[in-house]
Amino acid sequence: MKYVVSHRTAYAYSAPVRDSRGIYHLLPRPLPWQEVANAAVTVDPLPIDLHADTDGYGNAVTYFQVTQPHRELVIEAKSEVSVVQPRYDEDALAVPWERARPLVNRDDPDAWAAAQFALASPRAIHADGVAAYAAASLTRGRPIGEAATDLMTRIHADFDYDSTATTVTSTVAEVLRNRAGVCQDFAHLALACLRSHGVAARYVSGYLATQPPPGKERVVGADASHAWLAVWMPGSSDWLAIDPTNDQWANERYVTVAWGRDYGDVSPVRGVIFTKSKKSTLRVNVDVAPVG
């Protein structure tokens, strides 16, 4: 599938801002299953400093600084992306999940690179109860593909999607207790579950192209950023991308932007401002438009 992805982030302030500094992860990654034809980001007002780089996870990241006084800051990204269904090595899917623990099975050639994704991270803490919840899926000798898929399906069944149940600061413990959240929460919960047993898994941010109901037209701008996770499969270069929010493996409708330990590593936009403004608003508009 081919898509034109548009992501607009607009901040409005009650008083002038004299200095805005931040970074953004908004450019999709070129991947074996994802081709990026064009990708660009504009910042308004025009920054005095704009530095593009690659972070430690291989994601495109850009630093910016705006010193022109402003009451609104707008960051707009537009990308043309082609995505195909990811293919996985059947032998890798069949490997027992115990082998996907890089801190235990250090003889795997890629264990060193996967090790950091087997550790707890600030937003995917090993809260009380996560290891026990995961244990029902991680039974002895179970293939990693089957175990990860079962965990994904259970989270989808046991937890309600509720945008009012959590905030960006909600913890895994709160999600587990309230049995509700959004895509970011379910990804963090699954990460904590897997990592509590030593399995390496990484947080993935991007977009999911929505499909309108039968007989209805696609609503422009109704899409949103999405989050899922990918589980390490030793013995191959594959990471199985699973989406607990929708109970499915990531397919040609998923546009990958960045990955890291959790949301904190790959948030679309974050930064600091210098101002006397006491109020601010944030508006985000995302559109993932199929082409052809």
C-alpha atoms as a PDB file:
ATOM      1  CA  MET A   1       0.000   0.000   0.000  1.00  0.00           C
ATOM      2  CA  LYS A   2       1.059   3.561  -0.707  1.00  0.00           C
ATOM      3  CA  TYR A   3       0.202   6.396   1.652  1.00  0.00           C
ATOM      4  CA  VAL A   4       0.646  10.114   2.042  1.00  0.00           C
ATOM      5  CA  VAL A   5       1.018  10.722   5.769  1.00  0.00           C
ATOM      6  CA  SER A   6       0.421  14.192   7.177  1.00  0.00           C
ATOM      7  CA  HIS A   7       1.051  15.045  10.831  1.00  0.00           C
ATOM      8  CA  ARG A   8       0.390  18.565  12.107  1.00  0.00           C
ATOM      9  CA  THR A   9       1.227  19.606  15.679  1.00  0.00           C
ATOM     10  CA  ALA A  10       0.183  23.091  16.768  1.00  0.00           C
ATOM     11  CA  TYR A  11       0.904  24.717  20.121  1.00  0.00           C
ATOM     12  CA  ALA A  12      -0.879  27.962  21.087  1.00  0.00           C
ATOM     13  CA  TYR A  13       0.160  30.129  24.050  1.00  0.00           C
ATOM     14  CA  SER A  14      -1.567  32.876  26.041  1.00  0.00           C
ATOM     15  CA  ALA A  15       1.572  35.032  26.014  1.00  0.00           C
ATOM     16  CA  PRO A  16       4.560  35.300  23.666  1.00  0.00           C
ATOM     17  CA  VAL A  17       7.184  32.583  23.820  1.00  0.00           C
ATOM     18  CA  ARG A  18      10.699  33.918  23.408  1.00  0.00           C
ATOM     19  CA  ASP A  19      12.508  30.597  23.028  1.00  0.00           C
ATOM     20  CA  SER A  20      11.309  27.114  22.005  1.00  0.00           C
ATOM     21  CA  ARG A  21      13.691  24.169  21.960  1.00  0.00           C
ATOM     22  CA  GLY A  22      12.739  20.642  21.095  1.00  0.00           C
ATOM     23  CA  ILE A  23      13.222  17.480  19.119  1.00  0.00           C
ATOM     24  CA  TYR A  24      10.884  15.510  16.908  1.00  0.00           C
ATOM     25  CA  HIS A  25      10.608  11.937  15.609  1.00  0.00           C
ATOM     26  CA  LEU A  26       8.314  12.412  12.602  1.00  0.00           C
ATOM     27  CA  LEU A  27      10.144  10.926   9.619  1.00  0.00           C
ATOM     28  CA  PRO A  28       9.296   7.266   8.808  1.00  0.00           C
ATOM     29  CA  ARG A  29      12.115   4.708   8.780  1.00  0.00           C
ATOM     30  CA  PRO A  30      13.264   3.078   5.542  1.00  0.00           C
ATOM     31  CA  LEU A  31      12.839  -0.658   6.196  1.00  0.00           C
ATOM     32  CA  PRO A  32      12.849  -3.917   4.204  1.00  0.00           C
ATOM     33  CA  TRP A  33       9.042  -3.755   4.126  1.00  0.00           C
ATOM     34  CA  GLN A  34       8.703   0.036   4.018  1.00  0.00           C
ATOM     35  CA  GLU A  35       9.958   2.416   1.338  1.00  0.00           C
ATOM     36  CA  VAL A  36      10.048   6.155   2.008  1.00  0.00           C
ATOM     37  CA  ALA A  37       9.811   8.107  -1.246  1.00  0.00           C
ATOM     38  CA  ASN A  38       9.689  11.611   0.233  1.00  0.00           C
ATOM     39  CA  ALA A  39       9.632  12.981   3.755  1.00  0.00           C
ATOM     40  CA  ALA A  40       9.910  16.533   5.039  1.00  0.00           C
ATOM     41  CA  VAL A  41       9.096  18.547   8.152  1.00  0.00           C
ATOM     42  CA  THR A  42       8.488  22.305   8.433  1.00  0.00           C
ATOM     43  CA  VAL A  43       8.591  24.387  11.607  1.00  0.00           C
ATOM     44  CA  ASP A  44       6.840  27.761  11.868  1.00  0.00           C
ATOM     45  CA  PRO A  45       8.187  30.229  12.979  1.00  0.00           C
ATOM     46  CA  LEU A  46      11.420  29.455  11.177  1.00  0.00           C
ATOM     47  CA  PRO A  47      14.046  28.015  13.570  1.00  0.00           C
ATOM     48  CA  ILE A  48      17.439  29.635  13.962  1.00  0.00           C
ATOM     49  CA  ASP A  49      18.846  26.146  14.503  1.00  0.00           C
ATOM     50  CA  LEU A  50      17.665  22.939  12.842  1.00  0.00           C
ATOM     51  CA  HIS A  51      19.858  19.845  13.098  1.00  0.00           C
ATOM     52  CA  ALA A  52      18.894  16.448  11.684  1.00  0.00           C
ATOM     53  CA  ASP A  53      20.539  13.363  13.132  1.00  0.00           C
ATOM     54  CA  THR A  54      20.095   9.636  13.767  1.00  0.00           C
ATOM     55  CA  ASP A  55      19.567   8.482  17.343  1.00  0.00           C
ATOM     56  CA  GLY A  56      21.011   5.386  18.998  1.00  0.00           C
ATOM     57  CA  TYR A  57      18.140   3.228  17.722  1.00  0.00           C
ATOM     58  CA  GLY A  58      18.567   4.270  14.093  1.00  0.00           C
ATOM     59  CA  ASN A  59      15.581   6.640  14.092  1.00  0.00           C
ATOM     60  CA  ALA A  60      15.598   9.982  12.307  1.00  0.00           C
ATOM     61  CA  VAL A  61      15.537  12.710  14.948  1.00  0.00           C
ATOM     62  CA  THR A  62      15.754  16.479  14.523  1.00  0.00           C
ATOM     63  CA  TYR A  63      16.614  19.207  17.039  1.00  0.00           C
ATOM     64  CA  PHE A  64      15.186  22.712  16.584  1.00  0.00           C
ATOM     65  CA  GLN A  65      15.300  26.082  18.309  1.00  0.00           C
ATOM     66  CA  VAL A  66      12.970  29.014  17.635  1.00  0.00           C
ATOM     67  CA  THR A  67      13.914  32.380  19.148  1.00  0.00           C
ATOM     68  CA  GLN A  68      11.502  34.601  17.233  1.00  0.00           C
ATOM     69  CA  PRO A  69       8.750  35.631  19.689  1.00  0.00           C
ATOM     70  CA  HIS A  70       5.620  33.627  18.927  1.00  0.00           C
ATOM     71  CA  ARG A  71       2.209  32.743  20.301  1.00  0.00           C
ATOM     72  CA  GLU A  72       1.892  29.664  18.117  1.00  0.00           C
ATOM     73  CA  LEU A  73       4.337  26.960  17.105  1.00  0.00           C
ATOM     74  CA  VAL A  74       3.387  24.670  14.225  1.00  0.00           C
ATOM     75  CA  ILE A  75       5.297  21.562  13.181  1.00  0.00           C
ATOM     76  CA  GLU A  76       4.057  19.854  10.014  1.00  0.00           C
ATOM     77  CA  ALA A  77       5.379  16.577   8.619  1.00  0.00           C
ATOM     78  CA  LYS A  78       4.476  15.029   5.284  1.00  0.00           C
ATOM     79  CA  SER A  79       5.717  11.700   3.957  1.00  0.00           C
ATOM     80  CA  GLU A  80       5.092   9.430   0.995  1.00  0.00           C
ATOM     81  CA  VAL A  81       5.460   5.814   2.086  1.00  0.00           C
ATOM     82  CA  SER A  82       4.930   2.376   0.540  1.00  0.00           C
ATOM     83  CA  VAL A  83       4.372  -0.571   2.884  1.00  0.00           C
ATOM     84  CA  VAL A  84       4.099  -4.295   2.218  1.00  0.00           C
ATOM     85  CA  GLN A  85       3.101  -7.121   4.530  1.00  0.00           C
ATOM     86  CA  PRO A  86       6.158  -8.070   6.656  1.00  0.00           C
ATOM     87  CA  ARG A  87       7.367 -11.642   6.159  1.00  0.00           C
ATOM     88  CA  TYR A  88       8.775 -13.712   8.999  1.00  0.00           C
ATOM     89  CA  ASP A  89      11.054 -16.722   9.115  1.00  0.00           C
ATOM     90  CA  GLU A  90       8.894 -19.700  10.128  1.00  0.00           C
ATOM     91  CA  ASP A  91      11.822 -21.298  11.937  1.00  0.00           C
ATOM     92  CA  ALA A  92      12.335 -18.116  13.966  1.00  0.00           C
ATOM     93  CA  LEU A  93       8.650 -18.026  14.916  1.00  0.00           C
ATOM     94  CA  ALA A  94       8.956 -21.611  16.176  1.00  0.00           C
ATOM     95  CA  VAL A  95      11.912 -20.964  18.503  1.00  0.00           C
ATOM     96  CA  PRO A  96      10.971 -21.507  22.186  1.00  0.00           C
ATOM     97  CA  TRP A  97      10.362 -18.190  23.917  1.00  0.00           C
ATOM     98  CA  GLU A  98      13.066 -18.967  26.482  1.00  0.00           C
ATOM     99  CA  ARG A  99      15.620 -18.473  23.697  1.00  0.00           C
ATOM    100  CA  ALA A 100      14.435 -14.861  23.226  1.00  0.00           C
ATOM    101  CA  ARG A 101      16.128 -13.798  26.469  1.00  0.00           C
ATOM    102  CA  PRO A 102      19.375 -12.111  25.389  1.00  0.00           C
ATOM    103  CA  LEU A 103      20.641 -11.625  28.937  1.00  0.00           C
ATOM    104  CA  VAL A 104      20.434 -15.392  29.482  1.00  0.00           C
ATOM    105  CA  ASN A 105      21.261 -16.701  26.008  1.00  0.00           C
ATOM    106  CA  ARG A 106      24.276 -14.566  25.287  1.00  0.00           C
ATOM    107  CA  ASP A 107      25.675 -16.853  22.602  1.00  0.00           C
ATOM    108  CA  ASP A 108      23.231 -15.552  19.976  1.00  0.00           C
ATOM    109  CA  PRO A 109      25.079 -13.193  17.565  1.00  0.00           C
ATOM    110  CA  ASP A 110      22.429 -10.485  18.028  1.00  0.00           C
ATOM    111  CA  ALA A 111      22.017 -10.845  21.788  1.00  0.00           C
ATOM    112  CA  TRP A 112      24.187  -7.804  22.478  1.00  0.00           C
ATOM    113  CA  ALA A 113      21.895  -5.556  20.394  1.00  0.00           C
ATOM    114  CA  ALA A 114      18.676  -6.979  21.851  1.00  0.00           C
ATOM    115  CA  ALA A 115      19.832  -6.882  25.487  1.00  0.00           C
ATOM    116  CA  GLN A 116      18.743  -3.303  26.203  1.00  0.00           C
ATOM    117  CA  PHE A 117      15.200  -4.205  25.134  1.00  0.00           C
ATOM    118  CA  ALA A 118      15.015  -6.955  27.760  1.00  0.00           C
ATOM    119  CA  LEU A 119      15.417  -4.497  30.630  1.00  0.00           C
ATOM    120  CA  ALA A 120      12.755  -2.459  32.375  1.00  0.00           C
ATOM    121  CA  SER A 121      12.443   1.123  31.159  1.00  0.00           C
ATOM    122  CA  PRO A 122      10.857   4.209  32.762  1.00  0.00           C
ATOM    123  CA  ARG A 123       7.430   3.690  31.158  1.00  0.00           C
ATOM    124  CA  ALA A 124       7.504  -0.107  31.129  1.00  0.00           C
ATOM    125  CA  ILE A 125       8.293  -0.915  34.744  1.00  0.00           C
ATOM    126  CA  HIS A 126       7.948  -4.494  35.982  1.00  0.00           C
ATOM    127  CA  ALA A 127       4.970  -3.634  38.169  1.00  0.00           C
ATOM    128  CA  ASP A 128       3.463  -6.140  40.566  1.00  0.00           C
ATOM    129  CA  GLY A 129       1.297  -8.569  38.662  1.00  0.00           C
ATOM    130  CA  VAL A 130       2.779  -8.243  35.171  1.00  0.00           C
ATOM    131  CA  ALA A 131       4.996 -11.325  35.424  1.00  0.00           C
ATOM    132  CA  ALA A 132       2.072 -13.409  36.652  1.00  0.00           C
ATOM    133  CA  TYR A 133      -0.190 -12.084  33.911  1.00  0.00           C
ATOM    134  CA  ALA A 134       2.412 -12.918  31.243  1.00  0.00           C
ATOM    135  CA  ALA A 135       3.064 -16.401  32.628  1.00  0.00           C
ATOM    136  CA  ALA A 136      -0.217 -17.702  31.215  1.00  0.00           C
ATOM    137  CA  SER A 137       1.136 -17.055  27.711  1.00  0.00           C
ATOM    138  CA  LEU A 138       4.782 -17.893  28.340  1.00  0.00           C
ATOM    139  CA  THR A 139       4.357 -21.557  29.112  1.00  0.00           C
ATOM    140  CA  ARG A 140       7.395 -23.809  29.048  1.00  0.00           C
ATOM    141  CA  GLY A 141       8.830 -24.387  25.565  1.00  0.00           C
ATOM    142  CA  ARG A 142       6.083 -22.507  23.742  1.00  0.00           C
ATOM    143  CA  PRO A 143       7.166 -21.018  20.369  1.00  0.00           C
ATOM    144  CA  ILE A 144       7.924 -17.303  20.612  1.00  0.00           C
ATOM    145  CA  GLY A 145       5.521 -16.436  17.794  1.00  0.00           C
ATOM    146  CA  GLU A 146       2.672 -18.314  19.450  1.00  0.00           C
ATOM    147  CA  ALA A 147       3.428 -17.007  22.936  1.00  0.00           C
ATOM    148  CA  ALA A 148       3.661 -13.363  21.845  1.00  0.00           C
ATOM    149  CA  THR A 149       0.466 -13.658  19.808  1.00  0.00           C
ATOM    150  CA  ASP A 150      -1.382 -15.212  22.729  1.00  0.00           C
ATOM    151  CA  LEU A 151      -0.293 -12.390  25.045  1.00  0.00           C
ATOM    152  CA  MET A 152      -1.438  -9.848  22.445  1.00  0.00           C
ATOM    153  CA  THR A 153      -4.860 -11.496  22.157  1.00  0.00           C
ATOM    154  CA  ARG A 154      -5.336 -11.718  25.925  1.00  0.00           C
ATOM    155  CA  ILE A 155      -4.552  -8.025  26.437  1.00  0.00           C
ATOM    156  CA  HIS A 156      -7.020  -7.141  23.691  1.00  0.00           C
ATOM    157  CA  ALA A 157      -9.712  -9.262  25.367  1.00  0.00           C
ATOM    158  CA  ASP A 158      -9.016  -8.321  28.994  1.00  0.00           C
ATOM    159  CA  PHE A 159      -8.520  -4.557  28.654  1.00  0.00           C
ATOM    160  CA  ASP A 160     -10.965  -1.924  27.415  1.00  0.00           C
ATOM    161  CA  TYR A 161      -9.928   0.783  24.981  1.00  0.00           C
ATOM    162  CA  ASP A 162     -10.849   3.971  26.819  1.00  0.00           C
ATOM    163  CA  SER A 163      -9.204   7.293  25.976  1.00  0.00           C
ATOM    164  CA  THR A 164     -10.436   8.763  29.277  1.00  0.00           C
ATOM    165  CA  ALA A 165      -8.963   6.030  31.472  1.00  0.00           C
ATOM    166  CA  THR A 166      -5.325   7.147  31.303  1.00  0.00           C
ATOM    167  CA  THR A 167      -3.022  10.078  30.548  1.00  0.00           C
ATOM    168  CA  VAL A 168       0.464  10.266  29.063  1.00  0.00           C
ATOM    169  CA  THR A 169       1.857   9.872  32.594  1.00  0.00           C
ATOM    170  CA  SER A 170      -0.166   6.769  33.536  1.00  0.00           C
ATOM    171  CA  THR A 171       1.852   3.783  34.690  1.00  0.00           C
ATOM    172  CA  VAL A 172       1.744   0.098  33.834  1.00  0.00           C
ATOM    173  CA  ALA A 173       0.487  -0.576  37.364  1.00  0.00           C
ATOM    174  CA  GLU A 174      -2.478   1.753  36.824  1.00  0.00           C
ATOM    175  CA  VAL A 175      -3.330   0.169  33.476  1.00  0.00           C
ATOM    176  CA  LEU A 176      -3.140  -3.306  34.982  1.00  0.00           C
ATOM    177  CA  ARG A 177      -5.346  -2.268  37.902  1.00  0.00           C
ATOM    178  CA  ASN A 178      -7.961  -0.364  35.862  1.00  0.00           C
ATOM    179  CA  ARG A 179      -8.026  -2.829  32.949  1.00  0.00           C
ATOM    180  CA  ALA A 180      -8.324   0.076  30.480  1.00  0.00           C
ATOM    181  CA  GLY A 181      -6.186   2.408  28.412  1.00  0.00           C
ATOM    182  CA  VAL A 182      -5.089   3.318  24.890  1.00  0.00           C
ATOM    183  CA  CYS A 183      -2.577   1.945  22.398  1.00  0.00           C
ATOM    184  CA  GLN A 184       0.426   3.428  24.199  1.00  0.00           C
ATOM    185  CA  ASP A 185      -0.700   1.842  27.475  1.00  0.00           C
ATOM    186  CA  PHE A 186      -1.254  -1.589  25.939  1.00  0.00           C
ATOM    187  CA  ALA A 187       2.154  -1.502  24.259  1.00  0.00           C
ATOM    188  CA  HIS A 188       3.836  -0.588  27.553  1.00  0.00           C
ATOM    189  CA  LEU A 189       1.915  -3.306  29.384  1.00  0.00           C
ATOM    190  CA  ALA A 190       2.953  -5.956  26.851  1.00  0.00           C
ATOM    191  CA  LEU A 191       6.559  -4.777  27.035  1.00  0.00           C
ATOM    192  CA  ALA A 192       6.556  -5.024  30.833  1.00  0.00           C
ATOM    193  CA  CYS A 193       4.997  -8.497  30.665  1.00  0.00           C
ATOM    194  CA  LEU A 194       7.583  -9.845  28.234  1.00  0.00           C
ATOM    195  CA  ARG A 195      10.591  -8.134  29.798  1.00  0.00           C
ATOM    196  CA  SER A 196       9.619  -9.334  33.276  1.00  0.00           C
ATOM    197  CA  HIS A 197      10.454 -12.809  31.945  1.00  0.00           C
ATOM    198  CA  GLY A 198      13.631 -11.637  30.199  1.00  0.00           C
ATOM    199  CA  VAL A 199      12.190 -11.508  26.662  1.00  0.00           C
ATOM    200  CA  ALA A 200      13.469  -8.645  24.498  1.00  0.00           C
ATOM    201  CA  ALA A 201      10.807  -6.412  22.968  1.00  0.00           C
ATOM    202  CA  ARG A 202      10.797  -2.841  21.709  1.00  0.00           C
ATOM    203  CA  TYR A 203       8.200  -0.058  21.562  1.00  0.00           C
ATOM    204  CA  VAL A 204       7.195   1.040  18.050  1.00  0.00           C
ATOM    205  CA  SER A 205       5.550   4.335  17.124  1.00  0.00           C
ATOM    206  CA  GLY A 206       3.937   5.247  13.840  1.00  0.00           C
ATOM    207  CA  TYR A 207       0.555   5.301  12.179  1.00  0.00           C
ATOM    208  CA  LEU A 208      -2.250   2.897  11.346  1.00  0.00           C
ATOM    209  CA  ALA A 209      -4.302   3.624   8.239  1.00  0.00           C
ATOM    210  CA  THR A 210      -7.939   3.488   9.320  1.00  0.00           C
ATOM    211  CA  GLN A 211     -10.637   1.870   7.232  1.00  0.00           C
ATOM    212  CA  PRO A 212     -14.070   3.537   7.042  1.00  0.00           C
ATOM    213  CA  PRO A 213     -17.215   1.531   7.776  1.00  0.00           C
ATOM    214  CA  PRO A 214     -18.888  -0.069   4.742  1.00  0.00           C
ATOM    215  CA  GLY A 215     -20.624   2.552   2.634  1.00  0.00           C
ATOM    216  CA  LYS A 216     -18.890   5.447   4.394  1.00  0.00           C
ATOM    217  CA  GLU A 217     -16.201   7.738   3.017  1.00  0.00           C
ATOM    218  CA  ARG A 218     -12.839   8.056   4.707  1.00  0.00           C
ATOM    219  CA  VAL A 219     -12.767  11.053   7.055  1.00  0.00           C
ATOM    220  CA  VAL A 220      -9.742  13.214   6.250  1.00  0.00           C
ATOM    221  CA  GLY A 221      -7.734  14.039   9.372  1.00  0.00           C
ATOM    222  CA  ALA A 222      -9.432  11.425  11.552  1.00  0.00           C
ATOM    223  CA  ASP A 223      -6.325   9.279  11.925  1.00  0.00           C
ATOM    224  CA  ALA A 224      -3.901   9.401  14.856  1.00  0.00           C
ATOM    225  CA  SER A 225      -0.455   8.335  15.943  1.00  0.00           C
ATOM    226  CA  HIS A 226      -0.363   4.682  16.914  1.00  0.00           C
ATOM    227  CA  ALA A 227       1.812   2.454  19.083  1.00  0.00           C
ATOM    228  CA  TRP A 228       2.580  -1.249  19.064  1.00  0.00           C
ATOM    229  CA  LEU A 229       5.584  -3.441  19.904  1.00  0.00           C
ATOM    230  CA  ALA A 230       7.992  -5.862  18.279  1.00  0.00           C
ATOM    231  CA  VAL A 231       9.346  -9.023  19.898  1.00  0.00           C
ATOM    232  CA  TRP A 232      12.867 -10.306  19.284  1.00  0.00           C
ATOM    233  CA  MET A 233      13.164 -13.646  17.494  1.00  0.00           C
ATOM    234  CA  PRO A 234      16.682 -15.040  17.983  1.00  0.00           C
ATOM    235  CA  GLY A 235      18.429 -16.754  15.118  1.00  0.00           C
ATOM    236  CA  SER A 236      17.068 -14.295  12.577  1.00  0.00           C
ATOM    237  CA  SER A 237      16.985 -10.578  11.896  1.00  0.00           C
ATOM    238  CA  ASP A 238      13.224 -10.547  12.503  1.00  0.00           C
ATOM    239  CA  TRP A 239      11.271  -8.802  15.234  1.00  0.00           C
ATOM    240  CA  LEU A 240       7.625  -9.869  15.325  1.00  0.00           C
ATOM    241  CA  ALA A 241       5.457  -6.715  15.305  1.00  0.00           C
ATOM    242  CA  ILE A 242       2.254  -7.211  17.304  1.00  0.00           C
ATOM    243  CA  ASP A 243      -0.576  -4.801  18.092  1.00  0.00           C
ATOM    244  CA  PRO A 244      -2.533  -5.543  21.305  1.00  0.00           C
ATOM    245  CA  THR A 245      -4.927  -2.673  20.614  1.00  0.00           C
ATOM    246  CA  ASN A 246      -6.250  -4.356  17.474  1.00  0.00           C
ATOM    247  CA  ASP A 247      -5.285  -7.974  18.165  1.00  0.00           C
ATOM    248  CA  GLN A 248      -3.252  -8.429  15.001  1.00  0.00           C
ATOM    249  CA  TRP A 249       0.257  -8.567  13.650  1.00  0.00           C
ATOM    250  CA  ALA A 250       1.355  -5.314  12.025  1.00  0.00           C
ATOM    251  CA  ASN A 251       0.614  -5.462   8.318  1.00  0.00           C
ATOM    252  CA  GLU A 252       0.692  -3.220   5.226  1.00  0.00           C
ATOM    253  CA  ARG A 253      -1.563  -0.680   6.992  1.00  0.00           C
ATOM    254  CA  TYR A 254       1.123   0.138   9.588  1.00  0.00           C
ATOM    255  CA  VAL A 255       3.589   2.962   8.916  1.00  0.00           C
ATOM    256  CA  THR A 256       6.654   2.695  11.163  1.00  0.00           C
ATOM    257  CA  VAL A 257       8.268   5.934  12.306  1.00  0.00           C
ATOM    258  CA  ALA A 258      10.563   5.008  15.202  1.00  0.00           C
ATOM    259  CA  TRP A 259      11.316   2.456  17.885  1.00  0.00           C
ATOM    260  CA  GLY A 260      12.949   2.478  21.292  1.00  0.00           C
ATOM    261  CA  ARG A 261      12.572   1.188  24.840  1.00  0.00           C
ATOM    262  CA  ASP A 262       9.247   2.989  25.353  1.00  0.00           C
ATOM    263  CA  TYR A 263       7.317   6.130  24.410  1.00  0.00           C
ATOM    264  CA  GLY A 264       9.843   8.371  26.114  1.00  0.00           C
ATOM    265  CA  ASP A 265      12.479   7.471  23.525  1.00  0.00           C
ATOM    266  CA  VAL A 266      10.352   8.194  20.467  1.00  0.00           C
ATOM    267  CA  SER A 267       7.638  10.743  21.306  1.00  0.00           C
ATOM    268  CA  PRO A 268       6.657  12.637  18.124  1.00  0.00           C
ATOM    269  CA  VAL A 269       7.502  16.076  19.566  1.00  0.00           C
ATOM    270  CA  ARG A 270       8.883  17.167  22.908  1.00  0.00           C
ATOM    271  CA  GLY A 271      10.780  20.153  24.234  1.00  0.00           C
ATOM    272  CA  VAL A 272      10.857  23.173  26.522  1.00  0.00           C
ATOM    273  CA  ILE A 273       9.756  26.797  26.186  1.00  0.00           C
ATOM    274  CA  PHE A 274      10.791  30.054  27.841  1.00  0.00           C
ATOM    275  CA  THR A 275       7.718  32.232  28.407  1.00  0.00           C
ATOM    276  CA  LYS A 276       5.426  33.941  30.901  1.00  0.00           C
ATOM    277  CA  SER A 277       2.466  32.186  29.317  1.00  0.00           C
ATOM    278  CA  LYS A 278       0.244  30.488  31.887  1.00  0.00           C
ATOM    279  CA  LYS A 279      -1.967  28.672  29.430  1.00  0.00           C
ATOM    280  CA  SER A 280      -1.296  26.622  26.337  1.00  0.00           C
ATOM    281  CA  THR A 281      -3.234  24.350  24.017  1.00  0.00           C
ATOM    282  CA  LEU A 282      -2.110  21.510  21.818  1.00  0.00           C
ATOM    283  CA  ARG A 283      -3.832  20.402  18.632  1.00  0.00           C
ATOM    284  CA  VAL A 284      -2.688  17.372  16.660  1.00  0.00           C
ATOM    285  CA  ASN A 285      -4.092  16.394  13.279  1.00  0.00           C
ATOM    286  CA  VAL A 286      -3.030  13.214  11.493  1.00  0.00           C
ATOM    287  CA  ASP A 287      -4.060  11.889   8.092  1.00  0.00           C
ATOM    288  CA  VAL A 288      -2.934   8.620   6.500  1.00  0.00           C
ATOM    289  CA  ALA A 289      -4.284   8.791   2.954  1.00  0.00           C
ATOM    290  CA  PRO A 290      -4.067   5.765   0.629  1.00  0.00           C
ATOM    291  CA  VAL A 291      -2.697   6.587  -2.819  1.00  0.00           C
ATOM    292  CA  GLY A 292      -4.046   4.840  -5.894  1.00  0.00           C
END
